[in-house]
Amino acid sequence: MSRTAKAPALIEADPRIPFPHTDAPLACRTNPDWFAHEHGQNSKDDLARIERATTACSGCPIAAGCLKWALANRELTSTGI
């Protein structure tokens, strides 16, 4: 008897909201650990990392589009700033 494993279902992004692109160097690409955050992390180090991420986003040229995409695709953005 052979066992067949089912592949996990792929979640596709909402095609109505394109992911924003830029060639500019972005903090989320160069320092992704700044943006990895789970709900309930409130240590001094966690709060400092969140502040770095928030500051980086405030000057980002695609921040508005990124937020719009993340809100439209919650299943694909379960963690992060």
PDB file of N, CA and C in Angstrom:
ATOM      1  N   MET A   1       0.844  -1.173   0.000  1.00  0.00           N
ATOM      2  CA  MET A   1       0.000   0.000   0.000  1.00  0.00           C
ATOM      3  C   MET A   1       0.891   1.240   0.000  1.00  0.00           C
ATOM      4  N   SER A   2       0.677   2.130  -0.935  1.00  0.00           N
ATOM      5  CA  SER A   2       1.481   3.341  -1.003  1.00  0.00           C
ATOM      6  C   SER A   2       0.704   4.518  -0.411  1.00  0.00           C
ATOM      7  N   ARG A   3       1.449   5.409   0.147  1.00  0.00           N
ATOM      8  CA  ARG A   3       0.837   6.617   0.697  1.00  0.00           C
ATOM      9  C   ARG A   3       1.135   7.779  -0.223  1.00  0.00           C
ATOM     10  N   THR A   4       0.144   8.580  -0.421  1.00  0.00           N
ATOM     11  CA  THR A   4       0.366   9.790  -1.214  1.00  0.00           C
ATOM     12  C   THR A   4       0.088  10.992  -0.325  1.00  0.00           C
ATOM     13  N   ALA A   5       1.025  11.885  -0.295  1.00  0.00           N
ATOM     14  CA  ALA A   5       0.867  13.095   0.508  1.00  0.00           C
ATOM     15  C   ALA A   5       0.274  14.193  -0.363  1.00  0.00           C
ATOM     16  N   LYS A   6      -0.638  14.903   0.224  1.00  0.00           N
ATOM     17  CA  LYS A   6      -1.235  16.028  -0.488  1.00  0.00           C
ATOM     18  C   LYS A   6      -0.338  17.247  -0.305  1.00  0.00           C
ATOM     19  N   ALA A   7      -0.114  17.928  -1.378  1.00  0.00           N
ATOM     20  CA  ALA A   7       0.644  19.164  -1.301  1.00  0.00           C
ATOM     21  C   ALA A   7      -0.229  20.234  -0.656  1.00  0.00           C
ATOM     22  N   PRO A   8       0.381  21.107   0.142  1.00  0.00           N
ATOM     23  CA  PRO A   8      -0.421  22.166   0.747  1.00  0.00           C
ATOM     24  C   PRO A   8      -1.003  23.076  -0.337  1.00  0.00           C
ATOM     25  N   ALA A   9      -2.187  23.566  -0.074  1.00  0.00           N
ATOM     26  CA  ALA A   9      -2.839  24.465  -1.035  1.00  0.00           C
ATOM     27  C   ALA A   9      -2.054  25.768  -1.125  1.00  0.00           C
ATOM     28  N   LEU A  10      -1.843  26.213  -2.327  1.00  0.00           N
ATOM     29  CA  LEU A  10      -1.156  27.481  -2.530  1.00  0.00           C
ATOM     30  C   LEU A  10      -2.158  28.618  -2.410  1.00  0.00           C
ATOM     31  N   ILE A  11      -1.745  29.652  -1.723  1.00  0.00           N
ATOM     32  CA  ILE A  11      -2.579  30.835  -1.595  1.00  0.00           C
ATOM     33  C   ILE A  11      -2.080  31.842  -2.614  1.00  0.00           C
ATOM     34  N   GLU A  12      -2.955  32.287  -3.466  1.00  0.00           N
ATOM     35  CA  GLU A  12      -2.569  33.247  -4.488  1.00  0.00           C
ATOM     36  C   GLU A  12      -2.918  34.655  -4.043  1.00  0.00           C
ATOM     37  N   ALA A  13      -2.090  35.589  -4.453  1.00  0.00           N
ATOM     38  CA  ALA A  13      -2.320  36.996  -4.138  1.00  0.00           C
ATOM     39  C   ALA A  13      -3.517  37.521  -4.916  1.00  0.00           C
ATOM     40  N   ASP A  14      -4.167  38.498  -4.345  1.00  0.00           N
ATOM     41  CA  ASP A  14      -5.294  39.162  -4.997  1.00  0.00           C
ATOM     42  C   ASP A  14      -4.776  39.869  -6.252  1.00  0.00           C
ATOM     43  N   PRO A  15      -5.207  39.448  -7.432  1.00  0.00           N
ATOM     44  CA  PRO A  15      -4.679  40.034  -8.671  1.00  0.00           C
ATOM     45  C   PRO A  15      -5.098  41.490  -8.887  1.00  0.00           C
ATOM     46  N   ARG A  16      -6.081  41.958  -8.130  1.00  0.00           N
ATOM     47  CA  ARG A  16      -6.532  43.346  -8.290  1.00  0.00           C
ATOM     48  C   ARG A  16      -5.557  44.342  -7.678  1.00  0.00           C
ATOM     49  N   ILE A  17      -4.701  43.854  -6.775  1.00  0.00           N
ATOM     50  CA  ILE A  17      -3.736  44.722  -6.094  1.00  0.00           C
ATOM     51  C   ILE A  17      -2.333  44.245  -6.463  1.00  0.00           C
ATOM     52  N   PRO A  18      -1.672  44.902  -7.401  1.00  0.00           N
ATOM     53  CA  PRO A  18      -0.328  44.457  -7.779  1.00  0.00           C
ATOM     54  C   PRO A  18       0.689  44.760  -6.676  1.00  0.00           C
ATOM     55  N   PHE A  19       1.652  43.870  -6.539  1.00  0.00           N
ATOM     56  CA  PHE A  19       2.722  44.108  -5.568  1.00  0.00           C
ATOM     57  C   PHE A  19       3.582  45.257  -6.084  1.00  0.00           C
ATOM     58  N   PRO A  20       3.867  46.253  -5.247  1.00  0.00           N
ATOM     59  CA  PRO A  20       4.661  47.392  -5.713  1.00  0.00           C
ATOM     60  C   PRO A  20       6.123  47.002  -5.952  1.00  0.00           C
ATOM     61  N   HIS A  21       6.705  47.578  -6.963  1.00  0.00           N
ATOM     62  CA  HIS A  21       8.103  47.292  -7.297  1.00  0.00           C
ATOM     63  C   HIS A  21       8.893  48.585  -7.408  1.00  0.00           C
ATOM     64  N   THR A  22      10.161  48.483  -7.068  1.00  0.00           N
ATOM     65  CA  THR A  22      11.096  49.584  -7.233  1.00  0.00           C
ATOM     66  C   THR A  22      12.497  48.996  -7.336  1.00  0.00           C
ATOM     67  N   ASP A  23      13.369  49.721  -7.976  1.00  0.00           N
ATOM     68  CA  ASP A  23      14.769  49.310  -8.051  1.00  0.00           C
ATOM     69  C   ASP A  23      15.584  49.920  -6.911  1.00  0.00           C
ATOM     70  N   ALA A  24      14.941  50.780  -6.126  1.00  0.00           N
ATOM     71  CA  ALA A  24      15.631  51.419  -5.007  1.00  0.00           C
ATOM     72  C   ALA A  24      15.981  50.381  -3.943  1.00  0.00           C
ATOM     73  N   PRO A  25      17.125  50.544  -3.276  1.00  0.00           N
ATOM     74  CA  PRO A  25      17.448  49.626  -2.179  1.00  0.00           C
ATOM     75  C   PRO A  25      16.494  49.891  -1.012  1.00  0.00           C
ATOM     76  N   LEU A  26      15.834  48.852  -0.537  1.00  0.00           N
ATOM     77  CA  LEU A  26      14.844  48.998   0.528  1.00  0.00           C
ATOM     78  C   LEU A  26      15.297  48.268   1.788  1.00  0.00           C
ATOM     79  N   ALA A  27      14.997  48.836   2.936  1.00  0.00           N
ATOM     80  CA  ALA A  27      15.379  48.228   4.217  1.00  0.00           C
ATOM     81  C   ALA A  27      14.750  46.851   4.395  1.00  0.00           C
ATOM     82  N   CYS A  28      13.537  46.659   3.890  1.00  0.00           N
ATOM     83  CA  CYS A  28      12.880  45.361   4.059  1.00  0.00           C
ATOM     84  C   CYS A  28      13.594  44.269   3.271  1.00  0.00           C
ATOM     85  N   ARG A  29      14.335  44.652   2.256  1.00  0.00           N
ATOM     86  CA  ARG A  29      15.099  43.677   1.476  1.00  0.00           C
ATOM     87  C   ARG A  29      16.497  43.471   2.055  1.00  0.00           C
ATOM     88  N   THR A  30      17.090  44.533   2.577  1.00  0.00           N
ATOM     89  CA  THR A  30      18.450  44.431   3.104  1.00  0.00           C
ATOM     90  C   THR A  30      18.484  44.009   4.564  1.00  0.00           C
ATOM     91  N   ASN A  31      17.409  44.278   5.311  1.00  0.00           N
ATOM     92  CA  ASN A  31      17.330  43.921   6.730  1.00  0.00           C
ATOM     93  C   ASN A  31      15.968  43.297   7.055  1.00  0.00           C
ATOM     94  N   PRO A  32      15.634  42.168   6.447  1.00  0.00           N
ATOM     95  CA  PRO A  32      14.295  41.597   6.658  1.00  0.00           C
ATOM     96  C   PRO A  32      14.010  41.230   8.113  1.00  0.00           C
ATOM     97  N   ASP A  33      15.044  40.965   8.907  1.00  0.00           N
ATOM     98  CA  ASP A  33      14.816  40.616  10.307  1.00  0.00           C
ATOM     99  C   ASP A  33      14.204  41.767  11.100  1.00  0.00           C
ATOM    100  N   TRP A  34      14.386  43.008  10.640  1.00  0.00           N
ATOM    101  CA  TRP A  34      13.744  44.148  11.299  1.00  0.00           C
ATOM    102  C   TRP A  34      12.221  44.033  11.228  1.00  0.00           C
ATOM    103  N   PHE A  35      11.721  43.399  10.187  1.00  0.00           N
ATOM    104  CA  PHE A  35      10.289  43.396   9.892  1.00  0.00           C
ATOM    105  C   PHE A  35       9.574  42.128  10.335  1.00  0.00           C
ATOM    106  N   ALA A  36      10.308  41.124  10.795  1.00  0.00           N
ATOM    107  CA  ALA A  36       9.702  39.875  11.266  1.00  0.00           C
ATOM    108  C   ALA A  36       9.216  40.091  12.694  1.00  0.00           C
ATOM    109  N   HIS A  37       7.911  40.091  12.882  1.00  0.00           N
ATOM    110  CA  HIS A  37       7.349  40.371  14.196  1.00  0.00           C
ATOM    111  C   HIS A  37       6.100  39.541  14.423  1.00  0.00           C
ATOM    112  N   GLU A  38       6.043  38.900  15.555  1.00  0.00           N
ATOM    113  CA  GLU A  38       4.874  38.140  15.959  1.00  0.00           C
ATOM    114  C   GLU A  38       4.112  38.948  17.000  1.00  0.00           C
ATOM    115  N   HIS A  39       2.802  38.870  16.964  1.00  0.00           N
ATOM    116  CA  HIS A  39       1.978  39.564  17.945  1.00  0.00           C
ATOM    117  C   HIS A  39       2.385  39.134  19.353  1.00  0.00           C
ATOM    118  N   GLY A  40       2.532  40.084  20.240  1.00  0.00           N
ATOM    119  CA  GLY A  40       2.862  39.780  21.624  1.00  0.00           C
ATOM    120  C   GLY A  40       4.335  39.927  21.957  1.00  0.00           C
ATOM    121  N   GLN A  41       5.184  40.173  20.982  1.00  0.00           N
ATOM    122  CA  GLN A  41       6.601  40.373  21.254  1.00  0.00           C
ATOM    123  C   GLN A  41       6.787  41.815  21.718  1.00  0.00           C
ATOM    124  N   ASN A  42       7.123  41.973  22.988  1.00  0.00           N
ATOM    125  CA  ASN A  42       7.217  43.318  23.553  1.00  0.00           C
ATOM    126  C   ASN A  42       8.471  43.561  24.374  1.00  0.00           C
ATOM    127  N   SER A  43       9.526  42.777  24.130  1.00  0.00           N
ATOM    128  CA  SER A  43      10.758  43.005  24.880  1.00  0.00           C
ATOM    129  C   SER A  43      11.404  44.296  24.388  1.00  0.00           C
ATOM    130  N   LYS A  44      12.405  44.756  25.105  1.00  0.00           N
ATOM    131  CA  LYS A  44      13.113  45.980  24.720  1.00  0.00           C
ATOM    132  C   LYS A  44      13.710  45.835  23.313  1.00  0.00           C
ATOM    133  N   ASP A  45      14.298  44.668  23.019  1.00  0.00           N
ATOM    134  CA  ASP A  45      14.871  44.419  21.693  1.00  0.00           C
ATOM    135  C   ASP A  45      13.790  44.399  20.614  1.00  0.00           C
ATOM    136  N   ASP A  46      12.638  43.781  20.931  1.00  0.00           N
ATOM    137  CA  ASP A  46      11.528  43.737  19.972  1.00  0.00           C
ATOM    138  C   ASP A  46      11.044  45.147  19.647  1.00  0.00           C
ATOM    139  N   LEU A  47      10.882  45.959  20.679  1.00  0.00           N
ATOM    140  CA  LEU A  47      10.383  47.319  20.471  1.00  0.00           C
ATOM    141  C   LEU A  47      11.386  48.161  19.678  1.00  0.00           C
ATOM    142  N   ALA A  48      12.682  47.951  19.907  1.00  0.00           N
ATOM    143  CA  ALA A  48      13.704  48.673  19.142  1.00  0.00           C
ATOM    144  C   ALA A  48      13.664  48.253  17.673  1.00  0.00           C
ATOM    145  N   ARG A  49      13.479  46.946  17.418  1.00  0.00           N
ATOM    146  CA  ARG A  49      13.389  46.448  16.044  1.00  0.00           C
ATOM    147  C   ARG A  49      12.157  47.010  15.352  1.00  0.00           C
ATOM    148  N   ILE A  50      11.037  47.066  16.074  1.00  0.00           N
ATOM    149  CA  ILE A  50       9.804  47.623  15.506  1.00  0.00           C
ATOM    150  C   ILE A  50      10.002  49.091  15.164  1.00  0.00           C
ATOM    151  N   GLU A  51      10.686  49.820  16.021  1.00  0.00           N
ATOM    152  CA  GLU A  51      10.947  51.242  15.761  1.00  0.00           C
ATOM    153  C   GLU A  51      11.825  51.413  14.523  1.00  0.00           C
ATOM    154  N   ARG A  52      12.855  50.564  14.358  1.00  0.00           N
ATOM    155  CA  ARG A  52      13.699  50.627  13.158  1.00  0.00           C
ATOM    156  C   ARG A  52      12.859  50.368  11.908  1.00  0.00           C
ATOM    157  N   ALA A  53      11.994  49.368  11.964  1.00  0.00           N
ATOM    158  CA  ALA A  53      11.153  49.034  10.814  1.00  0.00           C
ATOM    159  C   ALA A  53      10.190  50.180  10.496  1.00  0.00           C
ATOM    160  N   THR A  54       9.581  50.740  11.514  1.00  0.00           N
ATOM    161  CA  THR A  54       8.637  51.844  11.318  1.00  0.00           C
ATOM    162  C   THR A  54       9.331  53.046  10.698  1.00  0.00           C
ATOM    163  N   THR A  55      10.518  53.354  11.180  1.00  0.00           N
ATOM    164  CA  THR A  55      11.286  54.472  10.632  1.00  0.00           C
ATOM    165  C   THR A  55      11.670  54.197   9.183  1.00  0.00           C
ATOM    166  N   ALA A  56      12.098  52.974   8.898  1.00  0.00           N
ATOM    167  CA  ALA A  56      12.469  52.614   7.522  1.00  0.00           C
ATOM    168  C   ALA A  56      11.267  52.743   6.589  1.00  0.00           C
ATOM    169  N   CYS A  57      10.106  52.289   7.026  1.00  0.00           N
ATOM    170  CA  CYS A  57       8.900  52.376   6.192  1.00  0.00           C
ATOM    171  C   CYS A  57       8.483  53.825   5.943  1.00  0.00           C
ATOM    172  N   SER A  58       8.712  54.682   6.923  1.00  0.00           N
ATOM    173  CA  SER A  58       8.252  56.066   6.780  1.00  0.00           C
ATOM    174  C   SER A  58       8.940  56.797   5.632  1.00  0.00           C
ATOM    175  N   GLY A  59      10.127  56.362   5.245  1.00  0.00           N
ATOM    176  CA  GLY A  59      10.825  56.988   4.132  1.00  0.00           C
ATOM    177  C   GLY A  59      10.831  56.156   2.866  1.00  0.00           C
ATOM    178  N   CYS A  60      10.063  55.089   2.838  1.00  0.00           N
ATOM    179  CA  CYS A  60      10.067  54.163   1.709  1.00  0.00           C
ATOM    180  C   CYS A  60       9.215  54.691   0.551  1.00  0.00           C
ATOM    181  N   PRO A  61       9.729  54.603  -0.679  1.00  0.00           N
ATOM    182  CA  PRO A  61       8.971  55.107  -1.830  1.00  0.00           C
ATOM    183  C   PRO A  61       7.767  54.246  -2.217  1.00  0.00           C
ATOM    184  N   ILE A  62       7.679  53.014  -1.703  1.00  0.00           N
ATOM    185  CA  ILE A  62       6.536  52.160  -2.057  1.00  0.00           C
ATOM    186  C   ILE A  62       5.720  51.751  -0.838  1.00  0.00           C
ATOM    187  N   ALA A  63       5.892  52.446   0.282  1.00  0.00           N
ATOM    188  CA  ALA A  63       5.230  52.056   1.533  1.00  0.00           C
ATOM    189  C   ALA A  63       3.707  52.005   1.398  1.00  0.00           C
ATOM    190  N   ALA A  64       3.100  52.976   0.762  1.00  0.00           N
ATOM    191  CA  ALA A  64       1.637  52.990   0.636  1.00  0.00           C
ATOM    192  C   ALA A  64       1.150  51.786  -0.172  1.00  0.00           C
ATOM    193  N   GLY A  65       1.818  51.485  -1.278  1.00  0.00           N
ATOM    194  CA  GLY A  65       1.450  50.333  -2.098  1.00  0.00           C
ATOM    195  C   GLY A  65       1.709  49.024  -1.372  1.00  0.00           C
ATOM    196  N   CYS A  66       2.760  48.962  -0.603  1.00  0.00           N
ATOM    197  CA  CYS A  66       3.098  47.767   0.170  1.00  0.00           C
ATOM    198  C   CYS A  66       2.016  47.496   1.215  1.00  0.00           C
ATOM    199  N   LEU A  67       1.609  48.532   1.928  1.00  0.00           N
ATOM    200  CA  LEU A  67       0.558  48.381   2.929  1.00  0.00           C
ATOM    201  C   LEU A  67      -0.753  47.951   2.287  1.00  0.00           C
ATOM    202  N   LYS A  68      -1.089  48.567   1.174  1.00  0.00           N
ATOM    203  CA  LYS A  68      -2.323  48.208   0.464  1.00  0.00           C
ATOM    204  C   LYS A  68      -2.295  46.729   0.064  1.00  0.00           C
ATOM    205  N   TRP A  69      -1.150  46.268  -0.474  1.00  0.00           N
ATOM    206  CA  TRP A  69      -1.012  44.869  -0.875  1.00  0.00           C
ATOM    207  C   TRP A  69      -1.125  43.946   0.346  1.00  0.00           C
ATOM    208  N   ALA A  70      -0.448  44.302   1.440  1.00  0.00           N
ATOM    209  CA  ALA A  70      -0.466  43.468   2.644  1.00  0.00           C
ATOM    210  C   ALA A  70      -1.879  43.348   3.216  1.00  0.00           C
ATOM    211  N   LEU A  71      -2.624  44.431   3.225  1.00  0.00           N
ATOM    212  CA  LEU A  71      -3.994  44.386   3.749  1.00  0.00           C
ATOM    213  C   LEU A  71      -4.918  43.576   2.845  1.00  0.00           C
ATOM    214  N   ALA A  72      -4.668  43.601   1.546  1.00  0.00           N
ATOM    215  CA  ALA A  72      -5.487  42.836   0.601  1.00  0.00           C
ATOM    216  C   ALA A  72      -5.115  41.360   0.594  1.00  0.00           C
ATOM    217  N   ASN A  73      -3.943  41.033   1.116  1.00  0.00           N
ATOM    218  CA  ASN A  73      -3.438  39.653   1.090  1.00  0.00           C
ATOM    219  C   ASN A  73      -3.009  39.204   2.480  1.00  0.00           C
ATOM    220  N   ARG A  74      -3.909  39.315   3.430  1.00  0.00           N
ATOM    221  CA  ARG A  74      -3.602  38.986   4.828  1.00  0.00           C
ATOM    222  C   ARG A  74      -3.067  37.577   5.013  1.00  0.00           C
ATOM    223  N   GLU A  75      -3.561  36.618   4.230  1.00  0.00           N
ATOM    224  CA  GLU A  75      -3.105  35.243   4.378  1.00  0.00           C
ATOM    225  C   GLU A  75      -1.634  35.079   3.999  1.00  0.00           C
ATOM    226  N   LEU A  76      -1.136  35.978   3.177  1.00  0.00           N
ATOM    227  CA  LEU A  76       0.257  35.914   2.724  1.00  0.00           C
ATOM    228  C   LEU A  76       1.173  36.753   3.603  1.00  0.00           C
ATOM    229  N   THR A  77       0.605  37.538   4.500  1.00  0.00           N
ATOM    230  CA  THR A  77       1.383  38.430   5.359  1.00  0.00           C
ATOM    231  C   THR A  77       0.969  38.237   6.808  1.00  0.00           C
ATOM    232  N   SER A  78       1.110  37.021   7.288  1.00  0.00           N
ATOM    233  CA  SER A  78       0.642  36.719   8.648  1.00  0.00           C
ATOM    234  C   SER A  78       1.532  37.302   9.741  1.00  0.00           C
ATOM    235  N   THR A  79       2.781  37.620   9.417  1.00  0.00           N
ATOM    236  CA  THR A  79       3.667  38.241  10.391  1.00  0.00           C
ATOM    237  C   THR A  79       4.324  39.439   9.741  1.00  0.00           C
ATOM    238  N   GLY A  80       4.813  40.317  10.561  1.00  0.00           N
ATOM    239  CA  GLY A  80       5.570  41.440  10.029  1.00  0.00           C
ATOM    240  C   GLY A  80       5.038  42.783  10.453  1.00  0.00           C
ATOM    241  N   ILE A  81       5.820  43.765  10.129  1.00  0.00           N
ATOM    242  CA  ILE A  81       5.477  45.152  10.454  1.00  0.00           C
ATOM    243  C   ILE A  81       4.708  45.731   9.285  1.00  0.00           C
TER     244      ILE A  81
END
